[in-house]
C-alpha atoms as a PDB file:
ATOM      1  CA  MET A   1    -286.971  22.132  -3.656  1.00  0.00           C
ATOM      2  CA  ALA A   2    -284.923  20.353  -6.625  1.00  0.00           C
ATOM      3  CA  GLU A   3    -286.846  17.431  -8.050  1.00  0.00           C
ATOM      4  CA  ILE A   4    -285.205  13.887  -7.779  1.00  0.00           C
ATOM      5  CA  ASP A   5    -284.664  11.795 -10.980  1.00  0.00           C
ATOM      6  CA  ALA A   6    -286.124   8.623  -9.641  1.00  0.00           C
ATOM      7  CA  ARG A   7    -285.192   5.532 -11.909  1.00  0.00           C
ATOM      8  CA  PRO A   8    -288.150   3.298 -13.023  1.00  0.00           C
ATOM      9  CA  THR A   9    -288.430  -0.123 -12.066  1.00  0.00           C
ATOM     10  CA  LEU A  10    -288.349  -2.374 -15.020  1.00  0.00           C
ATOM     11  CA  SER A  11    -289.718  -6.103 -14.261  1.00  0.00           C
ATOM     12  CA  LEU A  12    -290.924  -9.167 -16.036  1.00  0.00           C
ATOM     13  CA  THR A  13    -291.905 -12.419 -14.246  1.00  0.00           C
ATOM     14  CA  ALA A  14    -293.256 -15.112 -16.192  1.00  0.00           C
ATOM     15  CA  SER A  15    -293.586 -19.165 -16.725  1.00  0.00           C
ATOM     16  CA  PHE A  16    -292.374 -20.774 -19.482  1.00  0.00           C
ATOM     17  CA  PRO A  17    -292.734 -24.581 -20.787  1.00  0.00           C
ATOM     18  CA  LEU A  18    -289.982 -26.839 -19.949  1.00  0.00           C
ATOM     19  CA  ASP A  19    -288.667 -26.677 -23.907  1.00  0.00           C
ATOM     20  CA  ALA A  20    -285.398 -25.285 -24.483  1.00  0.00           C
ATOM     21  CA  ARG A  21    -286.724 -23.773 -27.481  1.00  0.00           C
ATOM     22  CA  PHE A  22    -287.553 -20.774 -25.482  1.00  0.00           C
ATOM     23  CA  ALA A  23    -283.926 -20.211 -24.073  1.00  0.00           C
ATOM     24  CA  SER A  24    -283.053 -17.674 -26.763  1.00  0.00           C
ATOM     25  CA  THR A  25    -286.255 -15.776 -26.030  1.00  0.00           C
ATOM     26  CA  VAL A  26    -285.498 -15.454 -22.564  1.00  0.00           C
ATOM     27  CA  GLY A  27    -282.144 -14.631 -23.185  1.00  0.00           C
ATOM     28  CA  GLU A  28    -283.108 -11.914 -25.500  1.00  0.00           C
ATOM     29  CA  LEU A  29    -285.963 -10.398 -22.903  1.00  0.00           C
ATOM     30  CA  ALA A  30    -282.796 -10.409 -20.067  1.00  0.00           C
ATOM     31  CA  SER A  31    -280.654  -8.676 -22.690  1.00  0.00           C
ATOM     32  CA  ARG A  32    -283.411  -6.094 -23.383  1.00  0.00           C
ATOM     33  CA  LEU A  33    -284.084  -5.398 -19.853  1.00  0.00           C
ATOM     34  CA  ALA A  34    -280.431  -4.658 -19.016  1.00  0.00           C
ATOM     35  CA  VAL A  35    -279.984  -2.364 -22.044  1.00  0.00           C
ATOM     36  CA  ALA A  36    -283.076  -0.405 -20.936  1.00  0.00           C
ATOM     37  CA  ALA A  37    -281.803  -0.469 -17.369  1.00  0.00           C
ATOM     38  CA  GLY A  38    -278.440   1.558 -18.778  1.00  0.00           C
ATOM     39  CA  MET A  39    -276.135  -1.639 -19.109  1.00  0.00           C
ATOM     40  CA  GLY A  40    -273.829  -1.542 -21.885  1.00  0.00           C
ATOM     41  CA  GLU A  41    -274.212  -4.170 -25.061  1.00  0.00           C
ATOM     42  CA  SER A  42    -271.181  -6.081 -24.113  1.00  0.00           C
ATOM     43  CA  ASP A  43    -272.569  -6.649 -20.722  1.00  0.00           C
ATOM     44  CA  ALA A  44    -275.878  -7.173 -21.582  1.00  0.00           C
ATOM     45  CA  SER A  45    -274.812  -9.706 -24.164  1.00  0.00           C
ATOM     46  CA  ALA A  46    -272.848 -11.579 -21.406  1.00  0.00           C
ATOM     47  CA  MET A  47    -276.252 -11.449 -19.281  1.00  0.00           C
ATOM     48  CA  GLN A  48    -278.369 -12.952 -22.153  1.00  0.00           C
ATOM     49  CA  ARG A  49    -275.871 -15.877 -22.494  1.00  0.00           C
ATOM     50  CA  LEU A  50    -275.898 -16.674 -19.111  1.00  0.00           C
ATOM     51  CA  VAL A  51    -279.672 -16.617 -18.833  1.00  0.00           C
ATOM     52  CA  GLU A  52    -279.937 -18.696 -21.918  1.00  0.00           C
ATOM     53  CA  LYS A  53    -277.515 -20.926 -20.846  1.00  0.00           C
ATOM     54  CA  ALA A  54    -279.638 -21.256 -17.275  1.00  0.00           C
ATOM     55  CA  PHE A  55    -283.055 -21.663 -19.021  1.00  0.00           C
ATOM     56  CA  ALA A  56    -281.612 -24.478 -21.217  1.00  0.00           C
ATOM     57  CA  ASP A  57    -280.275 -26.242 -18.301  1.00  0.00           C
ATOM     58  CA  ALA A  58    -283.686 -25.929 -16.520  1.00  0.00           C
ATOM     59  CA  ALA A  59    -285.351 -27.641 -19.351  1.00  0.00           C
ATOM     60  CA  LYS A  60    -283.159 -30.595 -19.159  1.00  0.00           C
ATOM     61  CA  TRP A  61    -284.440 -31.269 -15.586  1.00  0.00           C
ATOM     62  CA  LYS A  62    -288.108 -31.945 -16.863  1.00  0.00           C
ATOM     63  CA  GLY A  63    -287.728 -35.783 -16.217  1.00  0.00           C
ATOM     64  CA  VAL A  64    -286.151 -35.341 -12.679  1.00  0.00           C
ATOM     65  CA  GLU A  65    -288.496 -33.011 -11.047  1.00  0.00           C
ATOM     66  CA  ARG A  66    -291.622 -32.821 -13.287  1.00  0.00           C
ATOM     67  CA  ALA A  67    -291.725 -29.435 -12.800  1.00  0.00           C
ATOM     68  CA  PRO A  68    -294.811 -27.664 -14.521  1.00  0.00           C
ATOM     69  CA  ALA A  69    -292.848 -24.924 -15.776  1.00  0.00           C
ATOM     70  CA  ILE A  70    -289.598 -22.781 -15.914  1.00  0.00           C
ATOM     71  CA  ASP A  71    -289.926 -19.329 -13.857  1.00  0.00           C
ATOM     72  CA  VAL A  72    -288.090 -16.669 -14.995  1.00  0.00           C
ATOM     73  CA  SER A  73    -287.865 -13.241 -13.019  1.00  0.00           C
ATOM     74  CA  LEU A  74    -286.003 -10.140 -14.648  1.00  0.00           C
ATOM     75  CA  CYS A  75    -285.956  -6.573 -13.131  1.00  0.00           C
ATOM     76  CA  ALA A  76    -284.069  -3.755 -12.811  1.00  0.00           C
ATOM     77  CA  GLY A  77    -285.000  -2.094  -9.274  1.00  0.00           C
ATOM     78  CA  GLU A  78    -283.450   1.515  -8.289  1.00  0.00           C
ATOM     79  CA  SER A  79    -279.820  -0.031  -7.611  1.00  0.00           C
ATOM     80  CA  THR A  80    -279.509  -3.331  -8.991  1.00  0.00           C
ATOM     81  CA  ILE A  81    -280.496  -5.581 -12.008  1.00  0.00           C
ATOM     82  CA  ASP A  82    -281.888  -9.089 -10.911  1.00  0.00           C
ATOM     83  CA  PHE A  83    -282.401 -12.072 -13.066  1.00  0.00           C
ATOM     84  CA  SER A  84    -283.419 -15.631 -11.675  1.00  0.00           C
ATOM     85  CA  VAL A  85    -284.360 -18.766 -13.283  1.00  0.00           C
ATOM     86  CA  SER A  86    -285.960 -21.486 -11.111  1.00  0.00           C
ATOM     87  CA  CYS A  87    -287.572 -25.045 -12.188  1.00  0.00           C
ATOM     88  CA  GLY A  88    -289.503 -26.357  -9.417  1.00  0.00           C
ATOM     89  CA  SER A  89    -287.891 -25.905  -6.128  1.00  0.00           C
ATOM     90  CA  ALA A  90    -284.438 -25.482  -7.745  1.00  0.00           C
ATOM     91  CA  THR A  91    -282.953 -22.186  -8.389  1.00  0.00           C
ATOM     92  CA  VAL A  92    -280.764 -22.497 -11.639  1.00  0.00           C
ATOM     93  CA  LEU A  93    -279.548 -18.981 -11.647  1.00  0.00           C
ATOM     94  CA  THR A  94    -279.651 -15.954  -9.170  1.00  0.00           C
ATOM     95  CA  LEU A  95    -277.426 -12.820 -10.712  1.00  0.00           C
ATOM     96  CA  VAL A  96    -277.254  -9.560  -8.997  1.00  0.00           C
ATOM     97  CA  GLN A  97    -275.761  -6.739 -10.428  1.00  0.00           C
ATOM     98  CA  PRO A  98    -275.457  -3.368  -9.665  1.00  0.00           C
ATOM     99  CA  ARG A  99    -277.447  -1.189 -11.914  1.00  0.00           C
ATOM    100  CA  PRO A 100    -275.272   1.306 -13.875  1.00  0.00           C
END
């Protein structure tokens, strides 16, 4: 019987302080996960920019919601790459792309 090559799931879930200075770190993590999951550099850079912007936008909300943190979930599953950024009960970004 032939062995099936299963792609590993790569994921990161973390909470960050309400500080826009972490946006570039979170964006870089998203980009690296995307590349590790098989996405090309230019597409990974586009994902990085989207995640950075969403994080920076969420950091601006700190006075409105008084949320304790910005939650980030980055996951490359068997068939999709999923990114989400949320602050309190508000979702700032939900992005699902086919995994290459």
